[in-house]
Amino acid sequence: MPKVHHFKVKDSQDQDVDLAQYRDKVVLIVNTASQCGFTSQYQELEALYQQYKDQGFVVLAFPCNQFGAQEPGSNAEIQQFCQLNYGVSFPVFGKVQVNGLDSHPLFEYLKDQA
């Protein structure tokens, strides 16, 4: 059976990222949106990441536009928004589909494990 570290995802520049690099870390995977009522949670996620990153913790953010079209920006716009407005330094990957026929295999796996 696959594990999270068996998947590959795209970064914000559409380059492949092997999640195996996070194999020995505690990983919090979050789907995000820049125009959501919870967008300010980027600040709390960054604080959590900063507090525990030296202990092997990482936040992996996956923007998604499927929930109320609250992430309409391009990958570059999303990166800029996160860095300028919230000082995000944890990985923010390329936009993904969480549900439906085009849902990313990682999110299919996560939903199956829930």
PDB file of N, CA and C in Angstrom:
ATOM      1  N   MET A   1       0.839  -1.173   0.000  1.00  0.00           N
ATOM      2  CA  MET A   1       0.000   0.000   0.000  1.00  0.00           C
ATOM      3  C   MET A   1       0.890   1.245   0.000  1.00  0.00           C
ATOM      4  N   PRO A   2       0.565   2.251  -0.800  1.00  0.00           N
ATOM      5  CA  PRO A   2       1.403   3.453  -0.850  1.00  0.00           C
ATOM      6  C   PRO A   2       1.314   4.250   0.452  1.00  0.00           C
ATOM      7  N   LYS A   3       2.283   5.069   0.644  1.00  0.00           N
ATOM      8  CA  LYS A   3       2.332   6.017   1.759  1.00  0.00           C
ATOM      9  C   LYS A   3       2.500   7.404   1.154  1.00  0.00           C
ATOM     10  N   VAL A   4       2.332   8.428   1.961  1.00  0.00           N
ATOM     11  CA  VAL A   4       2.449   9.798   1.462  1.00  0.00           C
ATOM     12  C   VAL A   4       3.784  10.001   0.754  1.00  0.00           C
ATOM     13  N   HIS A   5       4.854   9.460   1.305  1.00  0.00           N
ATOM     14  CA  HIS A   5       6.175   9.690   0.718  1.00  0.00           C
ATOM     15  C   HIS A   5       6.397   8.932  -0.596  1.00  0.00           C
ATOM     16  N   HIS A   6       5.416   8.192  -1.067  1.00  0.00           N
ATOM     17  CA  HIS A   6       5.522   7.518  -2.366  1.00  0.00           C
ATOM     18  C   HIS A   6       5.019   8.384  -3.522  1.00  0.00           C
ATOM     19  N   PHE A   7       4.428   9.530  -3.230  1.00  0.00           N
ATOM     20  CA  PHE A   7       3.820  10.363  -4.269  1.00  0.00           C
ATOM     21  C   PHE A   7       4.772  11.436  -4.769  1.00  0.00           C
ATOM     22  N   LYS A   8       4.500  11.866  -5.985  1.00  0.00           N
ATOM     23  CA  LYS A   8       5.178  13.020  -6.571  1.00  0.00           C
ATOM     24  C   LYS A   8       4.120  14.083  -6.822  1.00  0.00           C
ATOM     25  N   VAL A   9       4.525  15.326  -6.627  1.00  0.00           N
ATOM     26  CA  VAL A   9       3.633  16.460  -6.836  1.00  0.00           C
ATOM     27  C   VAL A   9       4.376  17.500  -7.670  1.00  0.00           C
ATOM     28  N   LYS A  10       3.671  18.533  -8.067  1.00  0.00           N
ATOM     29  CA  LYS A  10       4.285  19.629  -8.823  1.00  0.00           C
ATOM     30  C   LYS A  10       4.472  20.829  -7.902  1.00  0.00           C
ATOM     31  N   ASP A  11       5.627  21.462  -8.020  1.00  0.00           N
ATOM     32  CA  ASP A  11       5.829  22.688  -7.263  1.00  0.00           C
ATOM     33  C   ASP A  11       5.182  23.853  -8.011  1.00  0.00           C
ATOM     34  N   SER A  12       5.368  25.045  -7.515  1.00  0.00           N
ATOM     35  CA  SER A  12       4.710  26.206  -8.115  1.00  0.00           C
ATOM     36  C   SER A  12       5.264  26.557  -9.491  1.00  0.00           C
ATOM     37  N   GLN A  13       6.399  25.970  -9.866  1.00  0.00           N
ATOM     38  CA  GLN A  13       6.968  26.191 -11.194  1.00  0.00           C
ATOM     39  C   GLN A  13       6.793  24.974 -12.085  1.00  0.00           C
ATOM     40  N   ASP A  14       5.856  24.113 -11.700  1.00  0.00           N
ATOM     41  CA  ASP A  14       5.479  22.929 -12.467  1.00  0.00           C
ATOM     42  C   ASP A  14       6.602  21.895 -12.573  1.00  0.00           C
ATOM     43  N   GLN A  15       7.489  21.894 -11.589  1.00  0.00           N
ATOM     44  CA  GLN A  15       8.565  20.907 -11.534  1.00  0.00           C
ATOM     45  C   GLN A  15       8.151  19.782 -10.583  1.00  0.00           C
ATOM     46  N   ASP A  16       8.550  18.562 -10.915  1.00  0.00           N
ATOM     47  CA  ASP A  16       8.226  17.423 -10.063  1.00  0.00           C
ATOM     48  C   ASP A  16       8.957  17.506  -8.725  1.00  0.00           C
ATOM     49  N   VAL A  17       8.237  17.177  -7.677  1.00  0.00           N
ATOM     50  CA  VAL A  17       8.802  17.094  -6.330  1.00  0.00           C
ATOM     51  C   VAL A  17       8.438  15.724  -5.779  1.00  0.00           C
ATOM     52  N   ASP A  18       9.435  14.992  -5.365  1.00  0.00           N
ATOM     53  CA  ASP A  18       9.229  13.674  -4.787  1.00  0.00           C
ATOM     54  C   ASP A  18       9.008  13.842  -3.280  1.00  0.00           C
ATOM     55  N   LEU A  19       7.850  13.428  -2.804  1.00  0.00           N
ATOM     56  CA  LEU A  19       7.559  13.578  -1.378  1.00  0.00           C
ATOM     57  C   LEU A  19       8.400  12.650  -0.510  1.00  0.00           C
ATOM     58  N   ALA A  20       9.199  11.791  -1.131  1.00  0.00           N
ATOM     59  CA  ALA A  20      10.112  10.929  -0.370  1.00  0.00           C
ATOM     60  C   ALA A  20      11.083  11.762   0.468  1.00  0.00           C
ATOM     61  N   GLN A  21      11.351  12.993   0.050  1.00  0.00           N
ATOM     62  CA  GLN A  21      12.258  13.847   0.820  1.00  0.00           C
ATOM     63  C   GLN A  21      11.697  14.185   2.205  1.00  0.00           C
ATOM     64  N   TYR A  22      10.400  13.952   2.411  1.00  0.00           N
ATOM     65  CA  TYR A  22       9.768  14.219   3.703  1.00  0.00           C
ATOM     66  C   TYR A  22       9.521  12.933   4.499  1.00  0.00           C
ATOM     67  N   ARG A  23      10.125  11.864   4.070  1.00  0.00           N
ATOM     68  CA  ARG A  23       9.872  10.534   4.645  1.00  0.00           C
ATOM     69  C   ARG A  23      10.043  10.484   6.163  1.00  0.00           C
ATOM     70  N   ASP A  24      11.047  11.096   6.696  1.00  0.00           N
ATOM     71  CA  ASP A  24      11.324  11.019   8.129  1.00  0.00           C
ATOM     72  C   ASP A  24      10.848  12.254   8.890  1.00  0.00           C
ATOM     73  N   LYS A  25       9.875  12.942   8.338  1.00  0.00           N
ATOM     74  CA  LYS A  25       9.351  14.152   8.971  1.00  0.00           C
ATOM     75  C   LYS A  25       7.894  13.956   9.374  1.00  0.00           C
ATOM     76  N   VAL A  26       7.469  14.794  10.282  1.00  0.00           N
ATOM     77  CA  VAL A  26       6.049  14.892  10.604  1.00  0.00           C
ATOM     78  C   VAL A  26       5.481  15.900   9.616  1.00  0.00           C
ATOM     79  N   VAL A  27       4.502  15.470   8.822  1.00  0.00           N
ATOM     80  CA  VAL A  27       4.004  16.272   7.708  1.00  0.00           C
ATOM     81  C   VAL A  27       2.545  16.653   7.944  1.00  0.00           C
ATOM     82  N   LEU A  28       2.255  17.948   7.813  1.00  0.00           N
ATOM     83  CA  LEU A  28       0.884  18.443   7.832  1.00  0.00           C
ATOM     84  C   LEU A  28       0.551  18.887   6.415  1.00  0.00           C
ATOM     85  N   ILE A  29      -0.355  18.181   5.765  1.00  0.00           N
ATOM     86  CA  ILE A  29      -0.773  18.510   4.402  1.00  0.00           C
ATOM     87  C   ILE A  29      -2.067  19.303   4.483  1.00  0.00           C
ATOM     88  N   VAL A  30      -2.054  20.486   3.863  1.00  0.00           N
ATOM     89  CA  VAL A  30      -3.194  21.392   3.944  1.00  0.00           C
ATOM     90  C   VAL A  30      -3.567  21.854   2.542  1.00  0.00           C
ATOM     91  N   ASN A  31      -4.870  21.786   2.207  1.00  0.00           N
ATOM     92  CA  ASN A  31      -5.273  22.438   0.965  1.00  0.00           C
ATOM     93  C   ASN A  31      -5.679  23.861   1.338  1.00  0.00           C
ATOM     94  N   THR A  32      -5.273  24.813   0.501  1.00  0.00           N
ATOM     95  CA  THR A  32      -5.381  26.226   0.850  1.00  0.00           C
ATOM     96  C   THR A  32      -6.071  27.021  -0.249  1.00  0.00           C
ATOM     97  N   ALA A  33      -6.441  28.254   0.106  1.00  0.00           N
ATOM     98  CA  ALA A  33      -7.017  29.199  -0.851  1.00  0.00           C
ATOM     99  C   ALA A  33      -6.732  30.612  -0.359  1.00  0.00           C
ATOM    100  N   SER A  34      -6.409  31.500  -1.271  1.00  0.00           N
ATOM    101  CA  SER A  34      -6.021  32.866  -0.925  1.00  0.00           C
ATOM    102  C   SER A  34      -7.200  33.794  -0.664  1.00  0.00           C
ATOM    103  N   GLN A  35      -8.382  33.420  -1.128  1.00  0.00           N
ATOM    104  CA  GLN A  35      -9.544  34.290  -0.959  1.00  0.00           C
ATOM    105  C   GLN A  35     -10.611  33.619  -0.094  1.00  0.00           C
ATOM    106  N   CYS A  36     -10.165  32.891   0.871  1.00  0.00           N
ATOM    107  CA  CYS A  36     -11.037  32.112   1.753  1.00  0.00           C
ATOM    108  C   CYS A  36     -11.114  32.800   3.113  1.00  0.00           C
ATOM    109  N   GLY A  37     -12.174  32.554   3.835  1.00  0.00           N
ATOM    110  CA  GLY A  37     -12.303  33.096   5.178  1.00  0.00           C
ATOM    111  C   GLY A  37     -11.235  32.588   6.132  1.00  0.00           C
ATOM    112  N   PHE A  38     -10.571  31.501   5.765  1.00  0.00           N
ATOM    113  CA  PHE A  38      -9.525  30.932   6.611  1.00  0.00           C
ATOM    114  C   PHE A  38      -8.120  31.273   6.115  1.00  0.00           C
ATOM    115  N   THR A  39      -8.012  32.164   5.147  1.00  0.00           N
ATOM    116  CA  THR A  39      -6.709  32.498   4.569  1.00  0.00           C
ATOM    117  C   THR A  39      -5.724  32.982   5.623  1.00  0.00           C
ATOM    118  N   SER A  40      -6.218  33.688   6.626  1.00  0.00           N
ATOM    119  CA  SER A  40      -5.318  34.200   7.667  1.00  0.00           C
ATOM    120  C   SER A  40      -4.626  33.074   8.428  1.00  0.00           C
ATOM    121  N   GLN A  41      -5.105  31.846   8.269  1.00  0.00           N
ATOM    122  CA  GLN A  41      -4.445  30.721   8.932  1.00  0.00           C
ATOM    123  C   GLN A  41      -3.042  30.470   8.387  1.00  0.00           C
ATOM    124  N   TYR A  42      -2.712  31.065   7.245  1.00  0.00           N
ATOM    125  CA  TYR A  42      -1.325  30.984   6.771  1.00  0.00           C
ATOM    126  C   TYR A  42      -0.384  31.467   7.874  1.00  0.00           C
ATOM    127  N   GLN A  43      -0.795  32.512   8.577  1.00  0.00           N
ATOM    128  CA  GLN A  43       0.037  33.068   9.641  1.00  0.00           C
ATOM    129  C   GLN A  43       0.254  32.041  10.753  1.00  0.00           C
ATOM    130  N   GLU A  44      -0.805  31.364  11.158  1.00  0.00           N
ATOM    131  CA  GLU A  44      -0.684  30.351  12.204  1.00  0.00           C
ATOM    132  C   GLU A  44       0.103  29.137  11.714  1.00  0.00           C
ATOM    133  N   LEU A  45      -0.107  28.762  10.456  1.00  0.00           N
ATOM    134  CA  LEU A  45       0.651  27.641   9.894  1.00  0.00           C
ATOM    135  C   LEU A  45       2.138  27.963   9.850  1.00  0.00           C
ATOM    136  N   GLU A  46       2.463  29.199   9.486  1.00  0.00           N
ATOM    137  CA  GLU A  46       3.869  29.612   9.458  1.00  0.00           C
ATOM    138  C   GLU A  46       4.465  29.590  10.869  1.00  0.00           C
ATOM    139  N   ALA A  47       3.709  30.066  11.848  1.00  0.00           N
ATOM    140  CA  ALA A  47       4.198  30.053  13.233  1.00  0.00           C
ATOM    141  C   ALA A  47       4.430  28.621  13.712  1.00  0.00           C
ATOM    142  N   LEU A  48       3.506  27.734  13.399  1.00  0.00           N
ATOM    143  CA  LEU A  48       3.646  26.323  13.758  1.00  0.00           C
ATOM    144  C   LEU A  48       4.880  25.722  13.100  1.00  0.00           C
ATOM    145  N   TYR A  49       5.044  26.010  11.808  1.00  0.00           N
ATOM    146  CA  TYR A  49       6.206  25.519  11.069  1.00  0.00           C
ATOM    147  C   TYR A  49       7.507  26.032  11.698  1.00  0.00           C
ATOM    148  N   GLN A  50       7.570  27.329  11.976  1.00  0.00           N
ATOM    149  CA  GLN A  50       8.785  27.904  12.559  1.00  0.00           C
ATOM    150  C   GLN A  50       9.090  27.300  13.929  1.00  0.00           C
ATOM    151  N   GLN A  51       8.048  27.042  14.707  1.00  0.00           N
ATOM    152  CA  GLN A  51       8.251  26.506  16.051  1.00  0.00           C
ATOM    153  C   GLN A  51       8.805  25.087  16.042  1.00  0.00           C
ATOM    154  N   TYR A  52       8.378  24.277  15.063  1.00  0.00           N
ATOM    155  CA  TYR A  52       8.717  22.854  15.101  1.00  0.00           C
ATOM    156  C   TYR A  52       9.575  22.343  13.941  1.00  0.00           C
ATOM    157  N   LYS A  53       9.953  23.204  13.012  1.00  0.00           N
ATOM    158  CA  LYS A  53      10.695  22.716  11.841  1.00  0.00           C
ATOM    159  C   LYS A  53      12.030  22.079  12.215  1.00  0.00           C
ATOM    160  N   ASP A  54      12.672  22.573  13.265  1.00  0.00           N
ATOM    161  CA  ASP A  54      13.952  21.997  13.679  1.00  0.00           C
ATOM    162  C   ASP A  54      13.795  20.631  14.338  1.00  0.00           C
ATOM    163  N   GLN A  55      12.545  20.258  14.609  1.00  0.00           N
ATOM    164  CA  GLN A  55      12.254  18.950  15.194  1.00  0.00           C
ATOM    165  C   GLN A  55      11.686  17.991  14.147  1.00  0.00           C
ATOM    166  N   GLY A  56      11.789  18.375  12.871  1.00  0.00           N
ATOM    167  CA  GLY A  56      11.359  17.480  11.803  1.00  0.00           C
ATOM    168  C   GLY A  56       9.927  17.656  11.349  1.00  0.00           C
ATOM    169  N   PHE A  57       9.331  18.809  11.623  1.00  0.00           N
ATOM    170  CA  PHE A  57       7.949  19.083  11.224  1.00  0.00           C
ATOM    171  C   PHE A  57       7.938  19.952   9.971  1.00  0.00           C
ATOM    172  N   VAL A  58       7.002  19.676   9.060  1.00  0.00           N
ATOM    173  CA  VAL A  58       6.864  20.503   7.867  1.00  0.00           C
ATOM    174  C   VAL A  58       5.389  20.618   7.490  1.00  0.00           C
ATOM    175  N   VAL A  59       5.024  21.796   7.012  1.00  0.00           N
ATOM    176  CA  VAL A  59       3.697  22.046   6.455  1.00  0.00           C
ATOM    177  C   VAL A  59       3.845  21.989   4.944  1.00  0.00           C
ATOM    178  N   LEU A  60       2.962  21.257   4.275  1.00  0.00           N
ATOM    179  CA  LEU A  60       2.934  21.207   2.816  1.00  0.00           C
ATOM    180  C   LEU A  60       1.583  21.749   2.374  1.00  0.00           C
ATOM    181  N   ALA A  61       1.589  22.895   1.711  1.00  0.00           N
ATOM    182  CA  ALA A  61       0.352  23.552   1.295  1.00  0.00           C
ATOM    183  C   ALA A  61       0.062  23.267  -0.175  1.00  0.00           C
ATOM    184  N   PHE A  62      -1.189  22.939  -0.439  1.00  0.00           N
ATOM    185  CA  PHE A  62      -1.645  22.637  -1.791  1.00  0.00           C
ATOM    186  C   PHE A  62      -2.844  23.518  -2.123  1.00  0.00           C
ATOM    187  N   PRO A  63      -2.632  24.596  -2.868  1.00  0.00           N
ATOM    188  CA  PRO A  63      -3.744  25.455  -3.248  1.00  0.00           C
ATOM    189  C   PRO A  63      -4.758  24.706  -4.117  1.00  0.00           C
ATOM    190  N   CYS A  64      -6.021  25.053  -3.923  1.00  0.00           N
ATOM    191  CA  CYS A  64      -7.101  24.418  -4.680  1.00  0.00           C
ATOM    192  C   CYS A  64      -8.194  25.449  -4.934  1.00  0.00           C
ATOM    193  N   ASN A  65      -8.716  25.463  -6.147  1.00  0.00           N
ATOM    194  CA  ASN A  65      -9.761  26.415  -6.526  1.00  0.00           C
ATOM    195  C   ASN A  65     -11.142  25.762  -6.564  1.00  0.00           C
ATOM    196  N   GLN A  66     -11.281  24.553  -6.064  1.00  0.00           N
ATOM    197  CA  GLN A  66     -12.537  23.815  -6.174  1.00  0.00           C
ATOM    198  C   GLN A  66     -13.592  24.210  -5.154  1.00  0.00           C
ATOM    199  N   PHE A  67     -13.215  24.880  -4.117  1.00  0.00           N
ATOM    200  CA  PHE A  67     -14.159  25.179  -3.046  1.00  0.00           C
ATOM    201  C   PHE A  67     -14.549  26.653  -3.100  1.00  0.00           C
ATOM    202  N   GLY A  68     -15.597  26.948  -3.822  1.00  0.00           N
ATOM    203  CA  GLY A  68     -16.076  28.317  -3.940  1.00  0.00           C
ATOM    204  C   GLY A  68     -15.205  29.205  -4.798  1.00  0.00           C
ATOM    205  N   ALA A  69     -14.384  28.620  -5.660  1.00  0.00           N
ATOM    206  CA  ALA A  69     -13.488  29.386  -6.546  1.00  0.00           C
ATOM    207  C   ALA A  69     -12.695  30.428  -5.752  1.00  0.00           C
ATOM    208  N   GLN A  70     -12.167  30.017  -4.606  1.00  0.00           N
ATOM    209  CA  GLN A  70     -11.464  30.940  -3.721  1.00  0.00           C
ATOM    210  C   GLN A  70      -9.950  30.960  -3.937  1.00  0.00           C
ATOM    211  N   GLU A  71      -9.483  30.266  -4.978  1.00  0.00           N
ATOM    212  CA  GLU A  71      -8.062  30.307  -5.331  1.00  0.00           C
ATOM    213  C   GLU A  71      -7.927  30.461  -6.839  1.00  0.00           C
ATOM    214  N   PRO A  72      -8.293  31.647  -7.360  1.00  0.00           N
ATOM    215  CA  PRO A  72      -8.259  31.841  -8.812  1.00  0.00           C
ATOM    216  C   PRO A  72      -6.877  32.187  -9.369  1.00  0.00           C
ATOM    217  N   GLY A  73      -5.927  32.525  -8.512  1.00  0.00           N
ATOM    218  CA  GLY A  73      -4.624  32.986  -8.973  1.00  0.00           C
ATOM    219  C   GLY A  73      -3.779  31.904  -9.620  1.00  0.00           C
ATOM    220  N   SER A  74      -2.771  32.358 -10.354  1.00  0.00           N
ATOM    221  CA  SER A  74      -1.789  31.435 -10.930  1.00  0.00           C
ATOM    222  C   SER A  74      -0.868  30.957  -9.811  1.00  0.00           C
ATOM    223  N   ASN A  75      -0.084  29.939 -10.091  1.00  0.00           N
ATOM    224  CA  ASN A  75       0.865  29.448  -9.092  1.00  0.00           C
ATOM    225  C   ASN A  75       1.823  30.551  -8.648  1.00  0.00           C
ATOM    226  N   ALA A  76       2.304  31.354  -9.590  1.00  0.00           N
ATOM    227  CA  ALA A  76       3.224  32.443  -9.249  1.00  0.00           C
ATOM    228  C   ALA A  76       2.531  33.487  -8.374  1.00  0.00           C
ATOM    229  N   GLU A  77       1.290  33.814  -8.695  1.00  0.00           N
ATOM    230  CA  GLU A  77       0.540  34.785  -7.893  1.00  0.00           C
ATOM    231  C   GLU A  77       0.299  34.262  -6.478  1.00  0.00           C
ATOM    232  N   ILE A  78       0.015  32.979  -6.372  1.00  0.00           N
ATOM    233  CA  ILE A  78      -0.217  32.370  -5.057  1.00  0.00           C
ATOM    234  C   ILE A  78       1.057  32.431  -4.217  1.00  0.00           C
ATOM    235  N   GLN A  79       2.198  32.076  -4.811  1.00  0.00           N
ATOM    236  CA  GLN A  79       3.476  32.135  -4.096  1.00  0.00           C
ATOM    237  C   GLN A  79       3.736  33.545  -3.587  1.00  0.00           C
ATOM    238  N   GLN A  80       3.571  34.508  -4.469  1.00  0.00           N
ATOM    239  CA  GLN A  80       3.825  35.899  -4.101  1.00  0.00           C
ATOM    240  C   GLN A  80       2.885  36.339  -2.977  1.00  0.00           C
ATOM    241  N   PHE A  81       1.621  36.002  -3.093  1.00  0.00           N
ATOM    242  CA  PHE A  81       0.634  36.350  -2.073  1.00  0.00           C
ATOM    243  C   PHE A  81       1.036  35.780  -0.713  1.00  0.00           C
ATOM    244  N   CYS A  82       1.389  34.513  -0.681  1.00  0.00           N
ATOM    245  CA  CYS A  82       1.740  33.847   0.581  1.00  0.00           C
ATOM    246  C   CYS A  82       2.984  34.455   1.217  1.00  0.00           C
ATOM    247  N   GLN A  83       3.976  34.748   0.404  1.00  0.00           N
ATOM    248  CA  GLN A  83       5.223  35.287   0.931  1.00  0.00           C
ATOM    249  C   GLN A  83       5.075  36.738   1.375  1.00  0.00           C
ATOM    250  N   LEU A  84       4.417  37.552   0.550  1.00  0.00           N
ATOM    251  CA  LEU A  84       4.294  38.975   0.876  1.00  0.00           C
ATOM    252  C   LEU A  84       3.333  39.241   2.023  1.00  0.00           C
ATOM    253  N   ASN A  85       2.222  38.534   2.067  1.00  0.00           N
ATOM    254  CA  ASN A  85       1.193  38.815   3.067  1.00  0.00           C
ATOM    255  C   ASN A  85       1.369  38.050   4.372  1.00  0.00           C
ATOM    256  N   TYR A  86       1.982  36.875   4.312  1.00  0.00           N
ATOM    257  CA  TYR A  86       2.065  36.041   5.508  1.00  0.00           C
ATOM    258  C   TYR A  86       3.468  35.528   5.809  1.00  0.00           C
ATOM    259  N   GLY A  87       4.449  35.893   4.997  1.00  0.00           N
ATOM    260  CA  GLY A  87       5.822  35.457   5.240  1.00  0.00           C
ATOM    261  C   GLY A  87       6.003  33.955   5.194  1.00  0.00           C
ATOM    262  N   VAL A  88       5.189  33.284   4.394  1.00  0.00           N
ATOM    263  CA  VAL A  88       5.220  31.823   4.327  1.00  0.00           C
ATOM    264  C   VAL A  88       6.571  31.343   3.801  1.00  0.00           C
ATOM    265  N   SER A  89       7.183  30.437   4.554  1.00  0.00           N
ATOM    266  CA  SER A  89       8.452  29.851   4.121  1.00  0.00           C
ATOM    267  C   SER A  89       8.353  28.339   3.944  1.00  0.00           C
ATOM    268  N   PHE A  90       7.223  27.744   4.332  1.00  0.00           N
ATOM    269  CA  PHE A  90       7.028  26.312   4.097  1.00  0.00           C
ATOM    270  C   PHE A  90       6.630  26.109   2.636  1.00  0.00           C
ATOM    271  N   PRO A  91       6.756  24.902   2.115  1.00  0.00           N
ATOM    272  CA  PRO A  91       6.455  24.660   0.701  1.00  0.00           C
ATOM    273  C   PRO A  91       4.978  24.881   0.356  1.00  0.00           C
ATOM    274  N   VAL A  92       4.768  25.681  -0.680  1.00  0.00           N
ATOM    275  CA  VAL A  92       3.437  25.868  -1.264  1.00  0.00           C
ATOM    276  C   VAL A  92       3.541  25.325  -2.683  1.00  0.00           C
ATOM    277  N   PHE A  93       2.847  24.245  -2.947  1.00  0.00           N
ATOM    278  CA  PHE A  93       2.959  23.546  -4.222  1.00  0.00           C
ATOM    279  C   PHE A  93       2.031  24.147  -5.268  1.00  0.00           C
ATOM    280  N   GLY A  94       2.072  23.591  -6.465  1.00  0.00           N
ATOM    281  CA  GLY A  94       1.171  24.013  -7.524  1.00  0.00           C
ATOM    282  C   GLY A  94      -0.263  23.636  -7.191  1.00  0.00           C
ATOM    283  N   LYS A  95      -1.196  24.356  -7.800  1.00  0.00           N
ATOM    284  CA  LYS A  95      -2.614  24.089  -7.567  1.00  0.00           C
ATOM    285  C   LYS A  95      -2.961  22.645  -7.923  1.00  0.00           C
ATOM    286  N   VAL A  96      -3.856  22.078  -7.125  1.00  0.00           N
ATOM    287  CA  VAL A  96      -4.307  20.706  -7.340  1.00  0.00           C
ATOM    288  C   VAL A  96      -5.827  20.660  -7.346  1.00  0.00           C
ATOM    289  N   GLN A  97      -6.330  19.558  -7.862  1.00  0.00           N
ATOM    290  CA  GLN A  97      -7.742  19.224  -7.722  1.00  0.00           C
ATOM    291  C   GLN A  97      -7.828  18.240  -6.562  1.00  0.00           C
ATOM    292  N   VAL A  98      -8.725  18.492  -5.653  1.00  0.00           N
ATOM    293  CA  VAL A  98      -8.896  17.633  -4.484  1.00  0.00           C
ATOM    294  C   VAL A  98      -9.994  16.602  -4.724  1.00  0.00           C
ATOM    295  N   ASN A  99     -10.994  16.981  -5.493  1.00  0.00           N
ATOM    296  CA  ASN A  99     -12.143  16.106  -5.763  1.00  0.00           C
ATOM    297  C   ASN A  99     -12.368  15.947  -7.261  1.00  0.00           C
ATOM    298  N   GLY A 100     -13.122  14.924  -7.621  1.00  0.00           N
ATOM    299  CA  GLY A 100     -13.529  14.748  -9.010  1.00  0.00           C
ATOM    300  C   GLY A 100     -12.588  13.888  -9.826  1.00  0.00           C
ATOM    301  N   LEU A 101     -12.886  13.838 -11.118  1.00  0.00           N
ATOM    302  CA  LEU A 101     -12.128  12.974 -12.026  1.00  0.00           C
ATOM    303  C   LEU A 101     -10.656  13.345 -12.123  1.00  0.00           C
ATOM    304  N   ASP A 102     -10.346  14.623 -11.972  1.00  0.00           N
ATOM    305  CA  ASP A 102      -8.962  15.080 -12.085  1.00  0.00           C
ATOM    306  C   ASP A 102      -8.284  15.274 -10.734  1.00  0.00           C
ATOM    307  N   SER A 103      -8.852  14.694  -9.690  1.00  0.00           N
ATOM    308  CA  SER A 103      -8.245  14.879  -8.368  1.00  0.00           C
ATOM    309  C   SER A 103      -6.850  14.257  -8.346  1.00  0.00           C
ATOM    310  N   HIS A 104      -5.974  14.927  -7.626  1.00  0.00           N
ATOM    311  CA  HIS A 104      -4.591  14.463  -7.538  1.00  0.00           C
ATOM    312  C   HIS A 104      -4.550  13.133  -6.780  1.00  0.00           C
ATOM    313  N   PRO A 105      -3.723  12.189  -7.234  1.00  0.00           N
ATOM    314  CA  PRO A 105      -3.621  10.892  -6.553  1.00  0.00           C
ATOM    315  C   PRO A 105      -3.289  11.006  -5.061  1.00  0.00           C
ATOM    316  N   LEU A 106      -2.500  12.005  -4.674  1.00  0.00           N
ATOM    317  CA  LEU A 106      -2.197  12.188  -3.256  1.00  0.00           C
ATOM    318  C   LEU A 106      -3.475  12.425  -2.463  1.00  0.00           C
ATOM    319  N   PHE A 107      -4.353  13.265  -2.991  1.00  0.00           N
ATOM    320  CA  PHE A 107      -5.586  13.563  -2.265  1.00  0.00           C
ATOM    321  C   PHE A 107      -6.571  12.407  -2.329  1.00  0.00           C
ATOM    322  N   GLU A 108      -6.529  11.636  -3.382  1.00  0.00           N
ATOM    323  CA  GLU A 108      -7.333  10.408  -3.419  1.00  0.00           C
ATOM    324  C   GLU A 108      -6.871   9.468  -2.306  1.00  0.00           C
ATOM    325  N   TYR A 109      -5.570   9.336  -2.173  1.00  0.00           N
ATOM    326  CA  TYR A 109      -4.998   8.497  -1.115  1.00  0.00           C
ATOM    327  C   TYR A 109      -5.403   9.021   0.266  1.00  0.00           C
ATOM    328  N   LEU A 110      -5.250  10.327   0.482  1.00  0.00           N
ATOM    329  CA  LEU A 110      -5.577  10.899   1.786  1.00  0.00           C
ATOM    330  C   LEU A 110      -7.048  10.694   2.133  1.00  0.00           C
ATOM    331  N   LYS A 111      -7.916  10.876   1.158  1.00  0.00           N
ATOM    332  CA  LYS A 111      -9.351  10.671   1.409  1.00  0.00           C
ATOM    333  C   LYS A 111      -9.641   9.206   1.716  1.00  0.00           C
ATOM    334  N   ASP A 112      -8.959   8.309   1.041  1.00  0.00           N
ATOM    335  CA  ASP A 112      -9.149   6.877   1.312  1.00  0.00           C
ATOM    336  C   ASP A 112      -8.688   6.502   2.720  1.00  0.00           C
ATOM    337  N   GLN A 113      -7.700   7.224   3.226  1.00  0.00           N
ATOM    338  CA  GLN A 113      -7.154   6.925   4.550  1.00  0.00           C
ATOM    339  C   GLN A 113      -7.949   7.570   5.681  1.00  0.00           C
ATOM    340  N   ALA A 114      -8.818   8.504   5.341  1.00  0.00           N
ATOM    341  CA  ALA A 114      -9.576   9.239   6.381  1.00  0.00           C
ATOM    342  C   ALA A 114     -10.644   8.377   7.008  1.00  0.00           C
TER     343      ALA A 114
END
